Amino acid sequence: MIFVQMACMIPVNTLGQRKLAGLAAGCIAVFISLFVISYLDYVKNVQKNMYIEWDVKTVTAGDYTVEVNIPEEMY
């Protein structure tokens, strides 16, 4: 087995282009992640509103439940 290691020499005139490309890739990744986070938050809030709307339209036993506090003297 032979292991060869060699230093990478980048020409000075292409170094600026590579830095700019790396910056662009990083900015695009941050933009995509922020978009995904905001989209998931939007979907969560829409689903929460749809659940509240469904709950308002649905009649359950809890809608007709009455709670009465009975004092100790009545026992």
N, C-alpha and C. Protein backbone atom coordinates (compact mmCIF):
# COMPACT_ATOMS: atom_id res chain seq x y z
N MET A 1 0.84 -1.17 0.00
CA MET A 1 0.00 0.00 0.00
C MET A 1 0.88 1.23 0.00
N ILE A 2 0.46 2.19 -0.76
CA ILE A 2 1.20 3.45 -0.83
C ILE A 2 0.24 4.58 -0.50
N PHE A 3 0.66 5.45 0.39
CA PHE A 3 -0.13 6.62 0.75
C PHE A 3 0.59 7.85 0.23
N VAL A 4 -0.08 8.61 -0.60
CA VAL A 4 0.51 9.81 -1.17
C VAL A 4 -0.34 11.00 -0.75
N GLN A 5 0.29 12.00 -0.20
CA GLN A 5 -0.42 13.20 0.19
C GLN A 5 0.23 14.39 -0.52
N MET A 6 -0.62 15.26 -1.04
CA MET A 6 -0.09 16.36 -1.82
C MET A 6 -0.86 17.62 -1.47
N ALA A 7 -0.18 18.72 -1.32
CA ALA A 7 -0.84 19.98 -1.02
C ALA A 7 -1.57 20.49 -2.24
N CYS A 8 -2.72 21.05 -2.03
CA CYS A 8 -3.53 21.59 -3.12
C CYS A 8 -3.13 23.05 -3.33
N MET A 9 -2.67 23.35 -4.46
CA MET A 9 -2.28 24.72 -4.79
C MET A 9 -3.36 25.33 -5.69
N ILE A 10 -4.00 26.36 -5.20
CA ILE A 10 -5.05 27.03 -5.96
C ILE A 10 -4.46 28.30 -6.53
N PRO A 11 -4.62 28.51 -7.82
CA PRO A 11 -4.12 29.76 -8.41
C PRO A 11 -4.81 30.97 -7.78
N VAL A 12 -4.09 32.06 -7.64
CA VAL A 12 -4.59 33.26 -6.98
C VAL A 12 -5.77 33.86 -7.73
N ASN A 13 -5.78 33.78 -9.05
CA ASN A 13 -6.87 34.40 -9.82
C ASN A 13 -8.20 33.65 -9.67
N THR A 14 -8.19 32.36 -9.32
CA THR A 14 -9.43 31.61 -9.12
C THR A 14 -9.84 31.55 -7.67
N LEU A 15 -9.00 32.01 -6.75
CA LEU A 15 -9.31 31.96 -5.33
C LEU A 15 -10.52 32.83 -5.00
N GLY A 16 -10.59 34.01 -5.57
CA GLY A 16 -11.72 34.90 -5.33
C GLY A 16 -13.03 34.32 -5.83
N GLN A 17 -12.98 33.66 -6.99
CA GLN A 17 -14.19 33.03 -7.54
C GLN A 17 -14.67 31.89 -6.65
N ARG A 18 -13.74 31.12 -6.12
CA ARG A 18 -14.12 30.02 -5.23
C ARG A 18 -14.72 30.53 -3.93
N LYS A 19 -14.14 31.61 -3.40
CA LYS A 19 -14.70 32.19 -2.18
C LYS A 19 -16.12 32.71 -2.43
N LEU A 20 -16.32 33.34 -3.56
CA LEU A 20 -17.64 33.86 -3.91
C LEU A 20 -18.64 32.73 -4.11
N ALA A 21 -18.19 31.66 -4.74
CA ALA A 21 -19.08 30.50 -4.95
C ALA A 21 -19.44 29.86 -3.60
N GLY A 22 -18.47 29.76 -2.70
CA GLY A 22 -18.74 29.21 -1.37
C GLY A 22 -19.70 30.09 -0.59
N LEU A 23 -19.53 31.41 -0.70
CA LEU A 23 -20.44 32.33 -0.03
C LEU A 23 -21.85 32.22 -0.59
N ALA A 24 -21.96 32.10 -1.90
CA ALA A 24 -23.27 31.96 -2.53
C ALA A 24 -23.95 30.66 -2.10
N ALA A 25 -23.18 29.57 -2.06
CA ALA A 25 -23.75 28.28 -1.63
C ALA A 25 -24.22 28.35 -0.18
N GLY A 26 -23.44 28.99 0.68
CA GLY A 26 -23.84 29.13 2.09
C GLY A 26 -25.08 29.98 2.25
N CYS A 27 -25.16 31.08 1.49
CA CYS A 27 -26.34 31.95 1.56
C CYS A 27 -27.59 31.24 1.06
N ILE A 28 -27.45 30.47 0.00
CA ILE A 28 -28.59 29.72 -0.53
C ILE A 28 -29.05 28.69 0.49
N ALA A 29 -28.11 28.01 1.15
CA ALA A 29 -28.48 27.01 2.16
C ALA A 29 -29.21 27.66 3.33
N VAL A 30 -28.76 28.82 3.78
CA VAL A 30 -29.43 29.52 4.87
C VAL A 30 -30.82 29.97 4.44
N PHE A 31 -30.96 30.50 3.23
CA PHE A 31 -32.26 30.92 2.72
C PHE A 31 -33.23 29.75 2.65
N ILE A 32 -32.77 28.62 2.15
CA ILE A 32 -33.64 27.44 2.04
C ILE A 32 -34.08 26.97 3.42
N SER A 33 -33.15 26.93 4.38
CA SER A 33 -33.52 26.47 5.72
C SER A 33 -34.52 27.43 6.38
N LEU A 34 -34.34 28.75 6.21
CA LEU A 34 -35.30 29.70 6.77
C LEU A 34 -36.66 29.58 6.09
N PHE A 35 -36.67 29.34 4.79
CA PHE A 35 -37.93 29.15 4.08
C PHE A 35 -38.65 27.90 4.58
N VAL A 36 -37.93 26.81 4.76
CA VAL A 36 -38.55 25.56 5.23
C VAL A 36 -39.10 25.75 6.64
N ILE A 37 -38.36 26.42 7.51
CA ILE A 37 -38.83 26.65 8.88
C ILE A 37 -40.10 27.49 8.87
N SER A 38 -40.11 28.57 8.08
CA SER A 38 -41.30 29.42 8.04
C SER A 38 -42.49 28.70 7.40
N TYR A 39 -42.24 27.86 6.40
CA TYR A 39 -43.32 27.11 5.77
C TYR A 39 -43.92 26.10 6.74
N LEU A 40 -43.08 25.40 7.49
CA LEU A 40 -43.59 24.43 8.46
C LEU A 40 -44.39 25.13 9.56
N ASP A 41 -43.96 26.31 9.98
CA ASP A 41 -44.71 27.08 10.97
C ASP A 41 -46.06 27.51 10.40
N TYR A 42 -46.08 27.91 9.14
CA TYR A 42 -47.33 28.29 8.48
C TYR A 42 -48.30 27.10 8.42
N VAL A 43 -47.79 25.93 8.03
CA VAL A 43 -48.64 24.74 7.94
C VAL A 43 -49.17 24.36 9.32
N LYS A 44 -48.33 24.48 10.35
CA LYS A 44 -48.77 24.17 11.72
C LYS A 44 -49.90 25.09 12.15
N ASN A 45 -49.78 26.38 11.87
CA ASN A 45 -50.82 27.32 12.26
C ASN A 45 -52.11 27.12 11.47
N VAL A 46 -51.99 26.77 10.19
CA VAL A 46 -53.19 26.49 9.39
C VAL A 46 -53.91 25.26 9.95
N GLN A 47 -53.15 24.23 10.30
CA GLN A 47 -53.77 23.02 10.86
C GLN A 47 -54.43 23.30 12.21
N LYS A 48 -53.80 24.16 13.01
CA LYS A 48 -54.39 24.52 14.30
C LYS A 48 -55.72 25.25 14.09
N ASN A 49 -55.77 26.17 13.12
CA ASN A 49 -57.01 26.88 12.83
C ASN A 49 -58.08 25.95 12.28
N MET A 50 -57.67 24.98 11.46
CA MET A 50 -58.64 24.02 10.93
C MET A 50 -59.20 23.15 12.05
N TYR A 51 -58.35 22.78 13.03
CA TYR A 51 -58.84 21.99 14.16
C TYR A 51 -59.84 22.78 14.98
N ILE A 52 -59.55 24.07 15.23
CA ILE A 52 -60.47 24.90 16.01
C ILE A 52 -61.79 25.04 15.27
N GLU A 53 -61.74 25.23 13.96
CA GLU A 53 -62.96 25.33 13.16
C GLU A 53 -63.75 24.03 13.22
N TRP A 54 -63.07 22.89 13.13
CA TRP A 54 -63.75 21.59 13.23
C TRP A 54 -64.37 21.42 14.60
N ASP A 55 -63.66 21.84 15.65
CA ASP A 55 -64.16 21.69 17.01
C ASP A 55 -65.40 22.55 17.23
N VAL A 56 -65.44 23.73 16.63
CA VAL A 56 -66.60 24.59 16.78
C VAL A 56 -67.81 23.99 16.07
N LYS A 57 -67.60 23.36 14.92
CA LYS A 57 -68.70 22.79 14.17
C LYS A 57 -69.19 21.45 14.73
N THR A 58 -68.40 20.80 15.58
CA THR A 58 -68.73 19.48 16.09
C THR A 58 -69.37 19.60 17.47
N VAL A 59 -70.49 18.93 17.65
CA VAL A 59 -71.18 18.92 18.94
C VAL A 59 -70.72 17.70 19.72
N THR A 60 -70.25 17.92 20.93
CA THR A 60 -69.80 16.82 21.78
C THR A 60 -70.53 16.89 23.12
N ALA A 61 -70.33 15.86 23.95
CA ALA A 61 -70.96 15.84 25.26
C ALA A 61 -70.41 16.96 26.15
N GLY A 62 -69.19 17.36 25.90
CA GLY A 62 -68.59 18.44 26.69
C GLY A 62 -69.31 19.77 26.48
N ASP A 63 -70.02 19.90 25.37
CA ASP A 63 -70.77 21.13 25.13
C ASP A 63 -71.97 21.26 26.06
N TYR A 64 -72.47 20.14 26.58
CA TYR A 64 -73.66 20.16 27.42
C TYR A 64 -73.35 19.80 28.87
N THR A 65 -72.11 19.75 29.25
CA THR A 65 -71.72 19.40 30.60
C THR A 65 -71.81 20.63 31.50
N VAL A 66 -72.39 20.43 32.68
CA VAL A 66 -72.52 21.52 33.65
C VAL A 66 -71.77 21.10 34.90
N GLU A 67 -70.96 21.98 35.42
CA GLU A 67 -70.22 21.69 36.65
C GLU A 67 -70.87 22.47 37.79
N VAL A 68 -71.21 21.74 38.84
CA VAL A 68 -71.87 22.36 39.99
C VAL A 68 -71.01 22.10 41.22
N ASN A 69 -70.66 23.15 41.90
CA ASN A 69 -69.90 23.00 43.15
C ASN A 69 -70.87 22.78 44.30
N ILE A 70 -70.70 21.65 44.99
CA ILE A 70 -71.57 21.32 46.10
C ILE A 70 -70.79 21.59 47.39
N PRO A 71 -71.29 22.47 48.24
CA PRO A 71 -70.58 22.75 49.49
C PRO A 71 -70.69 21.56 50.45
N GLU A 72 -69.84 21.54 51.45
CA GLU A 72 -69.81 20.44 52.43
C GLU A 72 -71.09 20.36 53.23
N GLU A 73 -71.74 21.48 53.46
CA GLU A 73 -72.97 21.48 54.27
C GLU A 73 -74.08 20.69 53.61
N MET A 74 -74.04 20.55 52.30
CA MET A 74 -75.12 19.83 51.59
C MET A 74 -74.96 18.33 51.71
N TYR A 75 -73.78 17.84 52.10
CA TYR A 75 -73.62 16.39 52.26
C TYR A 75 -74.35 15.98 53.47
